[in-house]
PDB file of all heavy atoms in Angstrom:
ATOM      1  N   VAL A   1       0.861  -1.250   0.012  1.00  0.00           N
ATOM      2  CA  VAL A   1      -0.029   0.008  -0.013  1.00  0.00           C
ATOM      3  C   VAL A   1       0.906   1.171  -0.014  1.00  0.00           C
ATOM      4  O   VAL A   1       0.701   2.248  -0.666  1.00  0.00           O
ATOM      5  CB  VAL A   1      -0.854   0.006   1.262  1.00  0.00           C
ATOM      6  CG1 VAL A   1      -1.703   1.289   1.239  1.00  0.00           C
ATOM      7  CG2 VAL A   1      -1.853  -1.263   1.153  1.00  0.00           C
ATOM      8  N   ALA A   2       1.862   1.171   0.897  1.00  0.00           N
ATOM      9  CA  ALA A   2       2.935   2.394   0.876  1.00  0.00           C
ATOM     10  C   ALA A   2       3.585   2.637  -0.452  1.00  0.00           C
ATOM     11  O   ALA A   2       3.796   3.758  -0.943  1.00  0.00           O
ATOM     12  CB  ALA A   2       3.900   2.148   2.084  1.00  0.00           C
ATOM     13  N   ASP A   3       3.871   1.482  -1.197  1.00  0.00           N
ATOM     14  CA  ASP A   3       4.494   1.616  -2.502  1.00  0.00           C
ATOM     15  C   ASP A   3       3.714   2.239  -3.442  1.00  0.00           C
ATOM     16  O   ASP A   3       3.991   3.157  -4.196  1.00  0.00           O
ATOM     17  CB  ASP A   3       5.047   0.139  -2.879  1.00  0.00           C
ATOM     18  CG  ASP A   3       5.870   0.255  -4.104  1.00  0.00           C
ATOM     19  OD1 ASP A   3       6.662   1.202  -4.181  1.00  0.00           O
ATOM     20  OD2 ASP A   3       6.006  -0.701  -4.858  1.00  0.00           O
ATOM     21  N   ARG A   4       2.300   1.806  -3.494  1.00  0.00           N
ATOM     22  CA  ARG A   4       1.331   2.440  -4.462  1.00  0.00           C
ATOM     23  C   ARG A   4       1.155   3.993  -4.128  1.00  0.00           C
ATOM     24  O   ARG A   4       1.072   4.730  -5.162  1.00  0.00           O
ATOM     25  CB  ARG A   4       0.223   1.635  -4.458  1.00  0.00           C
ATOM     26  CG  ARG A   4       0.291   0.208  -5.136  1.00  0.00           C
ATOM     27  CD  ARG A   4      -1.207  -0.387  -5.475  1.00  0.00           C
ATOM     28  NE  ARG A   4      -1.978  -0.539  -4.280  1.00  0.00           N
ATOM     29  CZ  ARG A   4      -1.929  -1.542  -3.413  1.00  0.00           C
ATOM     30  NH1 ARG A   4      -1.198  -2.633  -3.765  1.00  0.00           N
ATOM     31  NH2 ARG A   4      -2.713  -1.606  -2.448  1.00  0.00           N
ATOM     32  N   ALA A   5       1.050   4.138  -2.830  1.00  0.00           N
ATOM     33  CA  ALA A   5       0.714   5.580  -2.437  1.00  0.00           C
ATOM     34  C   ALA A   5       1.899   6.394  -2.812  1.00  0.00           C
ATOM     35  O   ALA A   5       1.835   7.549  -3.181  1.00  0.00           O
ATOM     36  CB  ALA A   5       0.415   5.597  -0.977  1.00  0.00           C
ATOM     37  N   GLY A   6       3.127   5.921  -2.497  1.00  0.00           N
ATOM     38  CA  GLY A   6       4.258   6.718  -2.926  1.00  0.00           C
ATOM     39  C   GLY A   6       4.381   6.970  -4.354  1.00  0.00           C
ATOM     40  O   GLY A   6       4.673   7.940  -4.718  1.00  0.00           O
ATOM     41  N   ASP A   7       3.984   6.059  -5.144  1.00  0.00           N
ATOM     42  CA  ASP A   7       4.104   6.194  -6.636  1.00  0.00           C
ATOM     43  C   ASP A   7       3.093   7.146  -7.039  1.00  0.00           C
ATOM     44  O   ASP A   7       3.434   7.986  -8.006  1.00  0.00           O
ATOM     45  CB  ASP A   7       3.703   4.830  -7.318  1.00  0.00           C
ATOM     46  CG  ASP A   7       4.820   3.814  -7.299  1.00  0.00           C
ATOM     47  OD1 ASP A   7       6.067   4.169  -6.869  1.00  0.00           O
ATOM     48  OD2 ASP A   7       4.670   2.591  -7.602  1.00  0.00           O
ATOM     49  N   ALA A   8       1.991   7.196  -6.353  1.00  0.00           N
ATOM     50  CA  ALA A   8       0.976   8.295  -6.797  1.00  0.00           C
ATOM     51  C   ALA A   8       1.441   9.535  -6.298  1.00  0.00           C
ATOM     52  O   ALA A   8       1.241  10.562  -7.154  1.00  0.00           O
ATOM     53  CB  ALA A   8      -0.438   7.957  -5.986  1.00  0.00           C
ATOM     54  N   PHE A   9       2.132   9.761  -5.206  1.00  0.00           N
ATOM     55  CA  PHE A   9       2.665  10.981  -4.850  1.00  0.00           C
ATOM     56  C   PHE A   9       3.761  11.499  -5.801  1.00  0.00           C
ATOM     57  O   PHE A   9       3.767  12.648  -6.259  1.00  0.00           O
ATOM     58  CB  PHE A   9       3.330  10.847  -3.432  1.00  0.00           C
ATOM     59  CG  PHE A   9       3.943  12.242  -2.996  1.00  0.00           C
ATOM     60  CD1 PHE A   9       3.299  13.230  -2.551  1.00  0.00           C
ATOM     61  CD2 PHE A   9       5.390  12.368  -3.181  1.00  0.00           C
ATOM     62  CE1 PHE A   9       3.884  14.570  -2.016  1.00  0.00           C
ATOM     63  CE2 PHE A   9       6.042  13.658  -2.761  1.00  0.00           C
ATOM     64  CZ  PHE A   9       5.239  14.591  -2.237  1.00  0.00           C
ATOM     65  N   SER A  10       4.586  10.591  -6.252  1.00  0.00           N
ATOM     66  CA  SER A  10       5.722  10.880  -7.176  1.00  0.00           C
ATOM     67  C   SER A  10       5.141  11.325  -8.545  1.00  0.00           C
ATOM     68  O   SER A  10       5.648  12.299  -9.059  1.00  0.00           O
ATOM     69  CB  SER A  10       6.761   9.665  -7.474  1.00  0.00           C
ATOM     70  OG  SER A  10       7.412   9.265  -6.187  1.00  0.00           O
ATOM     71  N   ALA A  11       4.114  10.603  -8.911  1.00  0.00           N
ATOM     72  CA  ALA A  11       3.477  10.934 -10.299  1.00  0.00           C
ATOM     73  C   ALA A  11       2.878  12.238 -10.140  1.00  0.00           C
ATOM     74  O   ALA A  11       2.923  13.139 -11.005  1.00  0.00           O
ATOM     75  CB  ALA A  11       2.446   9.847 -10.653  1.00  0.00           C
ATOM     76  N   GLY A  12       2.148  12.638  -9.049  1.00  0.00           N
ATOM     77  CA  GLY A  12       1.548  13.889  -8.882  1.00  0.00           C
ATOM     78  C   GLY A  12       2.617  14.990  -8.791  1.00  0.00           C
ATOM     79  O   GLY A  12       2.436  16.060  -9.469  1.00  0.00           O
ATOM     80  N   ALA A  13       3.656  14.759  -8.068  1.00  0.00           N
ATOM     81  CA  ALA A  13       4.806  15.746  -8.013  1.00  0.00           C
ATOM     82  C   ALA A  13       5.540  16.022  -9.356  1.00  0.00           C
ATOM     83  O   ALA A  13       5.765  17.140  -9.719  1.00  0.00           O
ATOM     84  CB  ALA A  13       5.818  15.350  -6.890  1.00  0.00           C
ATOM     85  N   LEU A  14       5.693  15.014 -10.101  1.00  0.00           N
ATOM     86  CA  LEU A  14       6.219  15.161 -11.474  1.00  0.00           C
ATOM     87  C   LEU A  14       5.328  15.878 -12.378  1.00  0.00           C
ATOM     88  O   LEU A  14       5.691  16.741 -13.157  1.00  0.00           O
ATOM     89  CB  LEU A  14       6.516  13.718 -12.102  1.00  0.00           C
ATOM     90  CG  LEU A  14       7.767  13.005 -11.504  1.00  0.00           C
ATOM     91  CD1 LEU A  14       7.903  11.629 -12.085  1.00  0.00           C
ATOM     92  CD2 LEU A  14       9.081  13.737 -11.742  1.00  0.00           C
ATOM     93  N   ALA A  15       4.111  15.647 -12.272  1.00  0.00           N
ATOM     94  CA  ALA A  15       3.049  16.378 -13.156  1.00  0.00           C
ATOM     95  C   ALA A  15       3.000  17.795 -12.771  1.00  0.00           C
ATOM     96  O   ALA A  15       2.902  18.685 -13.564  1.00  0.00           O
ATOM     97  CB  ALA A  15       1.713  15.709 -12.998  1.00  0.00           C
ATOM     98  N   LEU A  16       3.143  18.128 -11.408  1.00  0.00           N
ATOM     99  CA  LEU A  16       3.157  19.369 -10.955  1.00  0.00           C
ATOM    100  C   LEU A  16       4.421  20.183 -11.459  1.00  0.00           C
ATOM    101  O   LEU A  16       4.277  21.295 -11.942  1.00  0.00           O
ATOM    102  CB  LEU A  16       3.041  19.484  -9.472  1.00  0.00           C
ATOM    103  CG  LEU A  16       2.943  20.955  -8.764  1.00  0.00           C
ATOM    104  CD1 LEU A  16       1.770  21.578  -9.275  1.00  0.00           C
ATOM    105  CD2 LEU A  16       3.045  20.683  -7.225  1.00  0.00           C
ATOM    106  N   ALA A  17       5.506  19.534 -11.267  1.00  0.00           N
ATOM    107  CA  ALA A  17       6.791  20.323 -11.838  1.00  0.00           C
ATOM    108  C   ALA A  17       6.702  20.458 -13.222  1.00  0.00           C
ATOM    109  O   ALA A  17       7.205  21.473 -13.746  1.00  0.00           O
ATOM    110  CB  ALA A  17       7.923  19.258 -11.451  1.00  0.00           C
ATOM    111  N   GLY A  18       6.112  19.493 -14.094  1.00  0.00           N
ATOM    112  CA  GLY A  18       5.839  19.758 -15.486  1.00  0.00           C
ATOM    113  C   GLY A  18       5.052  20.999 -15.770  1.00  0.00           C
ATOM    114  O   GLY A  18       5.372  21.759 -16.719  1.00  0.00           O
ATOM    115  N   GLU A  19       4.001  21.105 -15.025  1.00  0.00           N
ATOM    116  CA  GLU A  19       3.079  22.142 -15.271  1.00  0.00           C
ATOM    117  C   GLU A  19       3.821  23.571 -14.885  1.00  0.00           C
ATOM    118  O   GLU A  19       3.536  24.598 -15.426  1.00  0.00           O
ATOM    119  CB  GLU A  19       1.862  22.157 -14.365  1.00  0.00           C
ATOM    120  CG  GLU A  19       0.733  21.147 -14.809  1.00  0.00           C
ATOM    121  CD  GLU A  19      -0.461  21.180 -13.864  1.00  0.00           C
ATOM    122  OE1 GLU A  19      -0.974  22.156 -13.568  1.00  0.00           O
ATOM    123  OE2 GLU A  19      -1.052  20.014 -13.501  1.00  0.00           O
ATOM    124  N   ALA A  20       4.509  23.479 -13.738  1.00  0.00           N
ATOM    125  CA  ALA A  20       5.219  24.699 -13.327  1.00  0.00           C
ATOM    126  C   ALA A  20       6.318  25.134 -14.283  1.00  0.00           C
ATOM    127  O   ALA A  20       6.665  26.381 -14.211  1.00  0.00           O
ATOM    128  CB  ALA A  20       5.825  24.435 -11.959  1.00  0.00           C
ATOM    129  N   ARG A  21       6.878  24.282 -15.115  1.00  0.00           N
ATOM    130  CA  ARG A  21       7.789  24.706 -16.151  1.00  0.00           C
ATOM    131  C   ARG A  21       7.205  25.486 -17.286  1.00  0.00           C
ATOM    132  O   ARG A  21       7.954  25.796 -18.178  1.00  0.00           O
ATOM    133  CB  ARG A  21       8.623  23.602 -16.492  1.00  0.00           C
ATOM    134  CG  ARG A  21       9.475  23.005 -15.405  1.00  0.00           C
ATOM    135  CD  ARG A  21      10.411  21.828 -15.988  1.00  0.00           C
ATOM    136  NE  ARG A  21      11.372  21.459 -14.914  1.00  0.00           N
ATOM    137  CZ  ARG A  21      11.226  20.429 -14.066  1.00  0.00           C
ATOM    138  NH1 ARG A  21      10.113  19.801 -14.214  1.00  0.00           N
ATOM    139  NH2 ARG A  21      12.108  20.085 -13.139  1.00  0.00           N
ATOM    140  N   LYS A  22       5.881  25.615 -17.309  1.00  0.00           N
ATOM    141  CA  LYS A  22       5.279  26.355 -18.380  1.00  0.00           C
ATOM    142  C   LYS A  22       4.608  27.547 -17.739  1.00  0.00           C
ATOM    143  O   LYS A  22       4.191  27.495 -16.587  1.00  0.00           O
ATOM    144  CB  LYS A  22       4.286  25.466 -19.121  1.00  0.00           C
ATOM    145  CG  LYS A  22       4.753  24.179 -19.780  1.00  0.00           C
ATOM    146  CD  LYS A  22       3.778  23.413 -20.420  1.00  0.00           C
ATOM    147  CE  LYS A  22       2.944  22.696 -19.293  1.00  0.00           C
ATOM    148  NZ  LYS A  22       2.036  21.712 -19.997  1.00  0.00           N
ATOM    149  N   THR A  23       4.446  28.612 -18.501  1.00  0.00           N
ATOM    150  CA  THR A  23       3.835  29.827 -18.027  1.00  0.00           C
ATOM    151  C   THR A  23       2.318  29.572 -17.680  1.00  0.00           C
ATOM    152  O   THR A  23       1.740  28.785 -18.562  1.00  0.00           O
ATOM    153  CB  THR A  23       4.036  31.034 -18.930  1.00  0.00           C
ATOM    154  OG1 THR A  23       3.479  30.661 -20.175  1.00  0.00           O
ATOM    155  CG2 THR A  23       5.383  31.419 -19.029  1.00  0.00           C
ATOM    156  N   GLY A  24       1.690  30.077 -16.678  1.00  0.00           N
ATOM    157  CA  GLY A  24       0.305  29.940 -16.430  1.00  0.00           C
ATOM    158  C   GLY A  24       0.204  29.353 -14.977  1.00  0.00           C
ATOM    159  O   GLY A  24       1.148  29.177 -14.266  1.00  0.00           O
ATOM    160  N   ALA A  25      -1.080  29.073 -14.691  1.00  0.00           N
ATOM    161  CA  ALA A  25      -1.425  28.589 -13.293  1.00  0.00           C
ATOM    162  C   ALA A  25      -1.238  27.000 -13.212  1.00  0.00           C
ATOM    163  O   ALA A  25      -1.304  26.285 -14.191  1.00  0.00           O
ATOM    164  CB  ALA A  25      -2.902  28.857 -13.104  1.00  0.00           C
ATOM    165  N   TRP A  26      -0.962  26.675 -11.971  1.00  0.00           N
ATOM    166  CA  TRP A  26      -0.872  25.094 -11.759  1.00  0.00           C
ATOM    167  C   TRP A  26      -1.257  24.994 -10.324  1.00  0.00           C
ATOM    168  O   TRP A  26      -1.425  25.783  -9.393  1.00  0.00           O
ATOM    169  CB  TRP A  26       0.608  24.759 -11.944  1.00  0.00           C
ATOM    170  CG  TRP A  26       1.600  25.736 -11.364  1.00  0.00           C
ATOM    171  CD1 TRP A  26       2.357  26.681 -12.083  1.00  0.00           C
ATOM    172  CD2 TRP A  26       2.131  25.846 -10.047  1.00  0.00           C
ATOM    173  NE1 TRP A  26       3.187  27.314 -11.224  1.00  0.00           N
ATOM    174  CE2 TRP A  26       3.098  26.856 -10.046  1.00  0.00           C
ATOM    175  CE3 TRP A  26       1.885  25.105  -8.822  1.00  0.00           C
ATOM    176  CZ2 TRP A  26       3.844  27.276  -8.772  1.00  0.00           C
ATOM    177  CZ3 TRP A  26       2.502  25.429  -7.636  1.00  0.00           C
ATOM    178  CH2 TRP A  26       3.444  26.607  -7.675  1.00  0.00           C
ATOM    179  N   SER A  27      -1.719  23.667 -10.077  1.00  0.00           N
ATOM    180  CA  SER A  27      -2.188  23.328  -8.785  1.00  0.00           C
ATOM    181  C   SER A  27      -2.074  21.726  -8.565  1.00  0.00           C
ATOM    182  O   SER A  27      -1.998  21.075  -9.633  1.00  0.00           O
ATOM    183  CB  SER A  27      -3.610  23.661  -8.526  1.00  0.00           C
ATOM    184  OG  SER A  27      -4.539  23.142  -9.378  1.00  0.00           O
ATOM    185  N   ALA A  28      -2.154  21.255  -7.474  1.00  0.00           N
ATOM    186  CA  ALA A  28      -2.154  19.790  -7.217  1.00  0.00           C
ATOM    187  C   ALA A  28      -2.671  19.548  -5.712  1.00  0.00           C
ATOM    188  O   ALA A  28      -2.667  20.547  -4.804  1.00  0.00           O
ATOM    189  CB  ALA A  28      -0.770  19.202  -7.294  1.00  0.00           C
ATOM    190  N   VAL A  29      -3.217  18.397  -5.517  1.00  0.00           N
ATOM    191  CA  VAL A  29      -3.757  17.968  -4.157  1.00  0.00           C
ATOM    192  C   VAL A  29      -3.031  16.619  -3.867  1.00  0.00           C
ATOM    193  O   VAL A  29      -2.918  15.707  -4.769  1.00  0.00           O
ATOM    194  CB  VAL A  29      -5.218  17.697  -4.137  1.00  0.00           C
ATOM    195  CG1 VAL A  29      -5.668  17.306  -2.793  1.00  0.00           C
ATOM    196  CG2 VAL A  29      -5.945  19.017  -4.454  1.00  0.00           C
ATOM    197  N   PHE A  30      -2.434  16.484  -2.683  1.00  0.00           N
ATOM    198  CA  PHE A  30      -1.836  15.329  -2.202  1.00  0.00           C
ATOM    199  C   PHE A  30      -2.446  14.922  -0.843  1.00  0.00           C
ATOM    200  O   PHE A  30      -2.702  15.758  -0.086  1.00  0.00           O
ATOM    201  CB  PHE A  30      -0.349  15.598  -2.025  1.00  0.00           C
ATOM    202  CG  PHE A  30       0.461  16.083  -3.131  1.00  0.00           C
ATOM    203  CD1 PHE A  30       0.710  17.340  -3.394  1.00  0.00           C
ATOM    204  CD2 PHE A  30       0.816  15.196  -4.154  1.00  0.00           C
ATOM    205  CE1 PHE A  30       1.402  17.708  -4.573  1.00  0.00           C
ATOM    206  CE2 PHE A  30       1.427  15.442  -5.313  1.00  0.00           C
ATOM    207  CZ  PHE A  30       1.709  16.738  -5.485  1.00  0.00           C
ATOM    208  N   ASP A  31      -2.617  13.667  -0.705  1.00  0.00           N
ATOM    209  CA  ASP A  31      -3.260  13.258   0.500  1.00  0.00           C
ATOM    210  C   ASP A  31      -2.140  12.621   1.490  1.00  0.00           C
ATOM    211  O   ASP A  31      -1.080  12.346   1.127  1.00  0.00           O
ATOM    212  CB  ASP A  31      -4.466  12.216   0.361  1.00  0.00           C
ATOM    213  CG  ASP A  31      -4.035  10.849  -0.214  1.00  0.00           C
ATOM    214  OD1 ASP A  31      -2.894  10.331   0.190  1.00  0.00           O
ATOM    215  OD2 ASP A  31      -4.757  10.297  -0.980  1.00  0.00           O
ATOM    216  N   GLN A  32      -2.524  12.542   2.786  1.00  0.00           N
ATOM    217  CA  GLN A  32      -1.587  12.143   3.730  1.00  0.00           C
ATOM    218  C   GLN A  32      -1.025  10.817   3.435  1.00  0.00           C
ATOM    219  O   GLN A  32       0.252  10.551   3.707  1.00  0.00           O
ATOM    220  CB  GLN A  32      -2.345  12.066   5.087  1.00  0.00           C
ATOM    221  CG  GLN A  32      -1.620  11.786   6.336  1.00  0.00           C
ATOM    222  CD  GLN A  32      -2.406  11.911   7.546  1.00  0.00           C
ATOM    223  OE1 GLN A  32      -2.691  12.982   8.067  1.00  0.00           O
ATOM    224  NE2 GLN A  32      -2.703  10.765   8.180  1.00  0.00           N
ATOM    225  N   ASP A  33      -1.862   9.891   3.082  1.00  0.00           N
ATOM    226  CA  ASP A  33      -1.240   8.443   2.712  1.00  0.00           C
ATOM    227  C   ASP A  33      -0.274   8.495   1.708  1.00  0.00           C
ATOM    228  O   ASP A  33       0.728   7.778   1.628  1.00  0.00           O
ATOM    229  CB  ASP A  33      -2.385   7.533   2.386  1.00  0.00           C
ATOM    230  CG  ASP A  33      -3.279   7.010   3.603  1.00  0.00           C
ATOM    231  OD1 ASP A  33      -2.745   7.334   4.772  1.00  0.00           O
ATOM    232  OD2 ASP A  33      -4.271   6.567   3.446  1.00  0.00           O
ATOM    233  N   GLN A  34      -0.485   9.367   0.617  1.00  0.00           N
ATOM    234  CA  GLN A  34       0.419   9.450  -0.462  1.00  0.00           C
ATOM    235  C   GLN A  34       1.763   9.924   0.044  1.00  0.00           C
ATOM    236  O   GLN A  34       2.885   9.489  -0.345  1.00  0.00           O
ATOM    237  CB  GLN A  34      -0.021  10.349  -1.609  1.00  0.00           C
ATOM    238  CG  GLN A  34      -1.175   9.863  -2.334  1.00  0.00           C
ATOM    239  CD  GLN A  34      -1.770  10.818  -3.329  1.00  0.00           C
ATOM    240  OE1 GLN A  34      -1.550  12.139  -3.189  1.00  0.00           O
ATOM    241  NE2 GLN A  34      -2.539  10.308  -4.315  1.00  0.00           N
ATOM    242  N   ILE A  35       1.791  10.973   0.874  1.00  0.00           N
ATOM    243  CA  ILE A  35       2.951  11.554   1.452  1.00  0.00           C
ATOM    244  C   ILE A  35       3.794  10.593   2.326  1.00  0.00           C
ATOM    245  O   ILE A  35       4.985  10.299   2.141  1.00  0.00           O
ATOM    246  CB  ILE A  35       2.731  12.835   2.169  1.00  0.00           C
ATOM    247  CG1 ILE A  35       2.127  13.960   1.264  1.00  0.00           C
ATOM    248  CG2 ILE A  35       3.909  13.342   2.858  1.00  0.00           C
ATOM    249  CD1 ILE A  35       1.547  15.010   1.952  1.00  0.00           C
ATOM    250  N   ASN A  36       3.012   9.891   3.118  1.00  0.00           N
ATOM    251  CA  ASN A  36       3.588   8.922   4.017  1.00  0.00           C
ATOM    252  C   ASN A  36       4.081   7.623   3.255  1.00  0.00           C
ATOM    253  O   ASN A  36       5.168   7.069   3.529  1.00  0.00           O
ATOM    254  CB  ASN A  36       2.634   8.292   5.106  1.00  0.00           C
ATOM    255  CG  ASN A  36       2.538   9.541   6.302  1.00  0.00           C
ATOM    256  OD1 ASN A  36       3.499  10.047   6.571  1.00  0.00           O
ATOM    257  ND2 ASN A  36       1.334   9.704   6.882  1.00  0.00           N
ATOM    258  N   GLY A  37       3.452   7.287   2.152  1.00  0.00           N
ATOM    259  CA  GLY A  37       3.957   6.240   1.333  1.00  0.00           C
ATOM    260  C   GLY A  37       5.220   6.565   0.650  1.00  0.00           C
ATOM    261  O   GLY A  37       6.103   5.794   0.686  1.00  0.00           O
ATOM    262  N   TRP A  38       5.309   7.754   0.219  1.00  0.00           N
ATOM    263  CA  TRP A  38       6.622   8.251  -0.368  1.00  0.00           C
ATOM    264  C   TRP A  38       7.787   8.298   0.620  1.00  0.00           C
ATOM    265  O   TRP A  38       8.901   7.916   0.394  1.00  0.00           O
ATOM    266  CB  TRP A  38       6.524   9.682  -0.987  1.00  0.00           C
ATOM    267  CG  TRP A  38       7.592  10.191  -1.785  1.00  0.00           C
ATOM    268  CD1 TRP A  38       7.872   9.912  -3.111  1.00  0.00           C
ATOM    269  CD2 TRP A  38       8.690  10.965  -1.178  1.00  0.00           C
ATOM    270  NE1 TRP A  38       9.156  10.472  -3.421  1.00  0.00           N
ATOM    271  CE2 TRP A  38       9.696  11.089  -2.301  1.00  0.00           C
ATOM    272  CE3 TRP A  38       8.932  11.471  -0.070  1.00  0.00           C
ATOM    273  CZ2 TRP A  38      10.775  11.876  -2.166  1.00  0.00           C
ATOM    274  CZ3 TRP A  38      10.160  12.237   0.077  1.00  0.00           C
ATOM    275  CH2 TRP A  38      11.011  12.449  -0.938  1.00  0.00           C
ATOM    276  N   LEU A  39       7.365   8.857   1.809  1.00  0.00           N
ATOM    277  CA  LEU A  39       8.465   8.788   3.016  1.00  0.00           C
ATOM    278  C   LEU A  39       8.924   7.424   3.363  1.00  0.00           C
ATOM    279  O   LEU A  39      10.039   7.307   3.633  1.00  0.00           O
ATOM    280  CB  LEU A  39       7.795   9.544   4.104  1.00  0.00           C
ATOM    281  CG  LEU A  39       7.539  10.970   4.088  1.00  0.00           C
ATOM    282  CD1 LEU A  39       6.796  11.501   5.240  1.00  0.00           C
ATOM    283  CD2 LEU A  39       8.906  11.763   3.888  1.00  0.00           C
ATOM    284  N   ALA A  40       7.989   6.486   3.297  1.00  0.00           N
ATOM    285  CA  ALA A  40       8.243   5.157   3.805  1.00  0.00           C
ATOM    286  C   ALA A  40       9.070   4.411   2.764  1.00  0.00           C
ATOM    287  O   ALA A  40       9.980   3.482   3.190  1.00  0.00           O
ATOM    288  CB  ALA A  40       6.936   4.404   4.099  1.00  0.00           C
ATOM    289  N   VAL A  41       8.796   4.639   1.435  1.00  0.00           N
ATOM    290  CA  VAL A  41       9.571   3.841   0.329  1.00  0.00           C
ATOM    291  C   VAL A  41      10.578   4.579  -0.382  1.00  0.00           C
ATOM    292  O   VAL A  41      11.658   4.384  -0.468  1.00  0.00           O
ATOM    293  CB  VAL A  41       8.365   3.174  -0.499  1.00  0.00           C
ATOM    294  CG1 VAL A  41       9.323   2.362  -1.657  1.00  0.00           C
ATOM    295  CG2 VAL A  41       7.492   2.291   0.273  1.00  0.00           C
ATOM    296  N   ASP A  42      10.045   5.769  -1.027  1.00  0.00           N
ATOM    297  CA  ASP A  42      10.895   6.462  -2.034  1.00  0.00           C
ATOM    298  C   ASP A  42      12.035   7.141  -1.389  1.00  0.00           C
ATOM    299  O   ASP A  42      13.168   7.148  -1.793  1.00  0.00           O
ATOM    300  CB  ASP A  42      10.079   7.278  -2.896  1.00  0.00           C
ATOM    301  CG  ASP A  42       9.171   6.565  -3.851  1.00  0.00           C
ATOM    302  OD1 ASP A  42       8.297   5.939  -3.416  1.00  0.00           O
ATOM    303  OD2 ASP A  42       9.401   6.836  -5.083  1.00  0.00           O
ATOM    304  N   LEU A  43      11.653   7.768  -0.208  1.00  0.00           N
ATOM    305  CA  LEU A  43      12.667   8.538   0.454  1.00  0.00           C
ATOM    306  C   LEU A  43      13.763   7.550   1.060  1.00  0.00           C
ATOM    307  O   LEU A  43      14.999   7.939   0.830  1.00  0.00           O
ATOM    308  CB  LEU A  43      12.148   9.264   1.610  1.00  0.00           C
ATOM    309  CG  LEU A  43      13.065  10.118   2.518  1.00  0.00           C
ATOM    310  CD1 LEU A  43      13.712  11.189   1.680  1.00  0.00           C
ATOM    311  CD2 LEU A  43      12.395  10.780   3.749  1.00  0.00           C
TER     312      LEU A  43
END
């Protein structure tokens, strides 16, 4: 579960970074489990 949640966080963060590299507005929502999954596995 942590692995899947961490993957979701990474995908969302990469998508946000891609949006931020273009002019215009950007936004994202991350949930607590996604953040903790990333901390548990990816970090």
